[in-house]
Amino acid sequence: MTENLNSNNLENDAFDLNNEDSDFQDLINRLKEIKSTIALLEKTIFK
């Protein structure tokens, strides 16, 4: 019984890490989009 609970905890921890990695990657992608938008706005403003 204890082994089963430990196994489930490990699987849940791995799932949480995958979600955190996914959230982190989503954040990086969003920041890249914001950076591109800012660069485009700077080109437009300083023409």
N, C-alpha and C. Protein backbone atom coordinates (compact mmCIF):
# COMPACT_ATOMS: atom_id res chain seq x y z
N MET A 1 0.82 -1.19 0.00
CA MET A 1 0.00 0.00 0.00
C MET A 1 0.86 1.26 0.00
N THR A 2 1.89 1.27 0.84
CA THR A 2 2.78 2.43 0.91
C THR A 2 3.52 2.63 -0.41
N GLU A 3 3.95 1.53 -1.03
CA GLU A 3 4.65 1.63 -2.31
C GLU A 3 3.75 2.25 -3.36
N ASN A 4 2.48 1.88 -3.36
CA ASN A 4 1.54 2.43 -4.32
C ASN A 4 1.37 3.94 -4.11
N LEU A 5 1.27 4.37 -2.86
CA LEU A 5 1.15 5.80 -2.58
C LEU A 5 2.40 6.55 -3.02
N ASN A 6 3.57 5.99 -2.75
CA ASN A 6 4.82 6.63 -3.16
C ASN A 6 4.90 6.73 -4.67
N SER A 7 4.47 5.71 -5.36
CA SER A 7 4.48 5.72 -6.82
C SER A 7 3.57 6.82 -7.35
N ASN A 8 2.38 6.93 -6.75
CA ASN A 8 1.45 7.97 -7.17
C ASN A 8 2.01 9.36 -6.89
N ASN A 9 2.67 9.53 -5.76
CA ASN A 9 3.27 10.83 -5.44
C ASN A 9 4.36 11.19 -6.44
N LEU A 10 5.18 10.23 -6.82
CA LEU A 10 6.23 10.48 -7.80
C LEU A 10 5.64 10.87 -9.15
N GLU A 11 4.58 10.18 -9.54
CA GLU A 11 3.93 10.51 -10.81
C GLU A 11 3.32 11.90 -10.76
N ASN A 12 2.71 12.26 -9.64
CA ASN A 12 2.13 13.59 -9.50
C ASN A 12 3.21 14.66 -9.51
N ASP A 13 4.33 14.40 -8.84
CA ASP A 13 5.45 15.34 -8.85
C ASP A 13 5.98 15.54 -10.27
N ALA A 14 6.12 14.46 -11.02
CA ALA A 14 6.60 14.55 -12.39
C ALA A 14 5.60 15.35 -13.24
N PHE A 15 4.32 15.12 -13.02
CA PHE A 15 3.29 15.86 -13.75
C PHE A 15 3.38 17.34 -13.43
N ASP A 16 3.56 17.69 -12.15
CA ASP A 16 3.69 19.09 -11.74
C ASP A 16 4.91 19.73 -12.40
N LEU A 17 6.02 19.01 -12.46
CA LEU A 17 7.22 19.55 -13.09
C LEU A 17 6.99 19.79 -14.57
N ASN A 18 6.29 18.87 -15.22
CA ASN A 18 5.99 19.06 -16.64
C ASN A 18 5.12 20.29 -16.84
N ASN A 19 4.16 20.50 -15.96
CA ASN A 19 3.31 21.69 -16.05
C ASN A 19 4.13 22.95 -15.83
N GLU A 20 5.04 22.92 -14.87
CA GLU A 20 5.88 24.08 -14.61
C GLU A 20 6.78 24.37 -15.81
N ASP A 21 7.33 23.33 -16.42
CA ASP A 21 8.16 23.51 -17.61
C ASP A 21 7.34 24.11 -18.73
N SER A 22 6.13 23.62 -18.89
CA SER A 22 5.25 24.13 -19.93
C SER A 22 4.90 25.59 -19.67
N ASP A 23 4.59 25.93 -18.42
CA ASP A 23 4.29 27.31 -18.07
C ASP A 23 5.49 28.20 -18.32
N PHE A 24 6.67 27.72 -17.97
CA PHE A 24 7.89 28.49 -18.18
C PHE A 24 8.13 28.72 -19.67
N GLN A 25 7.92 27.69 -20.48
CA GLN A 25 8.11 27.83 -21.92
C GLN A 25 7.09 28.79 -22.52
N ASP A 26 5.84 28.72 -22.03
CA ASP A 26 4.81 29.65 -22.49
C ASP A 26 5.20 31.08 -22.15
N LEU A 27 5.74 31.29 -20.96
CA LEU A 27 6.18 32.62 -20.56
C LEU A 27 7.31 33.12 -21.45
N ILE A 28 8.27 32.27 -21.74
CA ILE A 28 9.37 32.66 -22.62
C ILE A 28 8.84 33.05 -24.00
N ASN A 29 7.92 32.25 -24.53
CA ASN A 29 7.35 32.56 -25.85
C ASN A 29 6.60 33.89 -25.83
N ARG A 30 5.85 34.13 -24.77
CA ARG A 30 5.11 35.39 -24.65
C ARG A 30 6.06 36.57 -24.56
N LEU A 31 7.14 36.42 -23.80
CA LEU A 31 8.13 37.49 -23.69
C LEU A 31 8.80 37.78 -25.03
N LYS A 32 9.04 36.74 -25.83
CA LYS A 32 9.61 36.94 -27.17
C LYS A 32 8.64 37.71 -28.05
N GLU A 33 7.34 37.41 -27.94
CA GLU A 33 6.33 38.14 -28.71
C GLU A 33 6.30 39.61 -28.30
N ILE A 34 6.38 39.85 -26.99
CA ILE A 34 6.38 41.23 -26.50
C ILE A 34 7.61 41.97 -26.99
N LYS A 35 8.76 41.30 -26.97
CA LYS A 35 10.00 41.92 -27.45
C LYS A 35 9.88 42.31 -28.92
N SER A 36 9.29 41.43 -29.72
CA SER A 36 9.10 41.72 -31.15
C SER A 36 8.15 42.89 -31.35
N THR A 37 7.09 42.93 -30.56
CA THR A 37 6.13 44.03 -30.66
C THR A 37 6.78 45.35 -30.30
N ILE A 38 7.58 45.37 -29.25
CA ILE A 38 8.27 46.59 -28.84
C ILE A 38 9.24 47.05 -29.93
N ALA A 39 9.97 46.11 -30.52
CA ALA A 39 10.91 46.47 -31.59
C ALA A 39 10.17 47.07 -32.77
N LEU A 40 9.03 46.51 -33.13
CA LEU A 40 8.23 47.03 -34.24
C LEU A 40 7.71 48.43 -33.92
N LEU A 41 7.25 48.62 -32.70
CA LEU A 41 6.77 49.95 -32.29
C LEU A 41 7.90 50.97 -32.31
N GLU A 42 9.09 50.58 -31.87
CA GLU A 42 10.23 51.50 -31.89
C GLU A 42 10.56 51.91 -33.33
N LYS A 43 10.52 50.96 -34.25
CA LYS A 43 10.79 51.28 -35.67
C LYS A 43 9.74 52.26 -36.20
N THR A 44 8.50 52.03 -35.81
CA THR A 44 7.41 52.90 -36.28
C THR A 44 7.53 54.30 -35.69
N ILE A 45 7.85 54.39 -34.42
CA ILE A 45 7.92 55.70 -33.75
C ILE A 45 9.13 56.51 -34.23
N PHE A 46 10.26 55.87 -34.40
CA PHE A 46 11.50 56.58 -34.70
C PHE A 46 11.82 56.62 -36.19
N LYS A 47 10.82 56.48 -37.04
CA LYS A 47 11.05 56.56 -38.49
C LYS A 47 11.45 57.94 -38.89
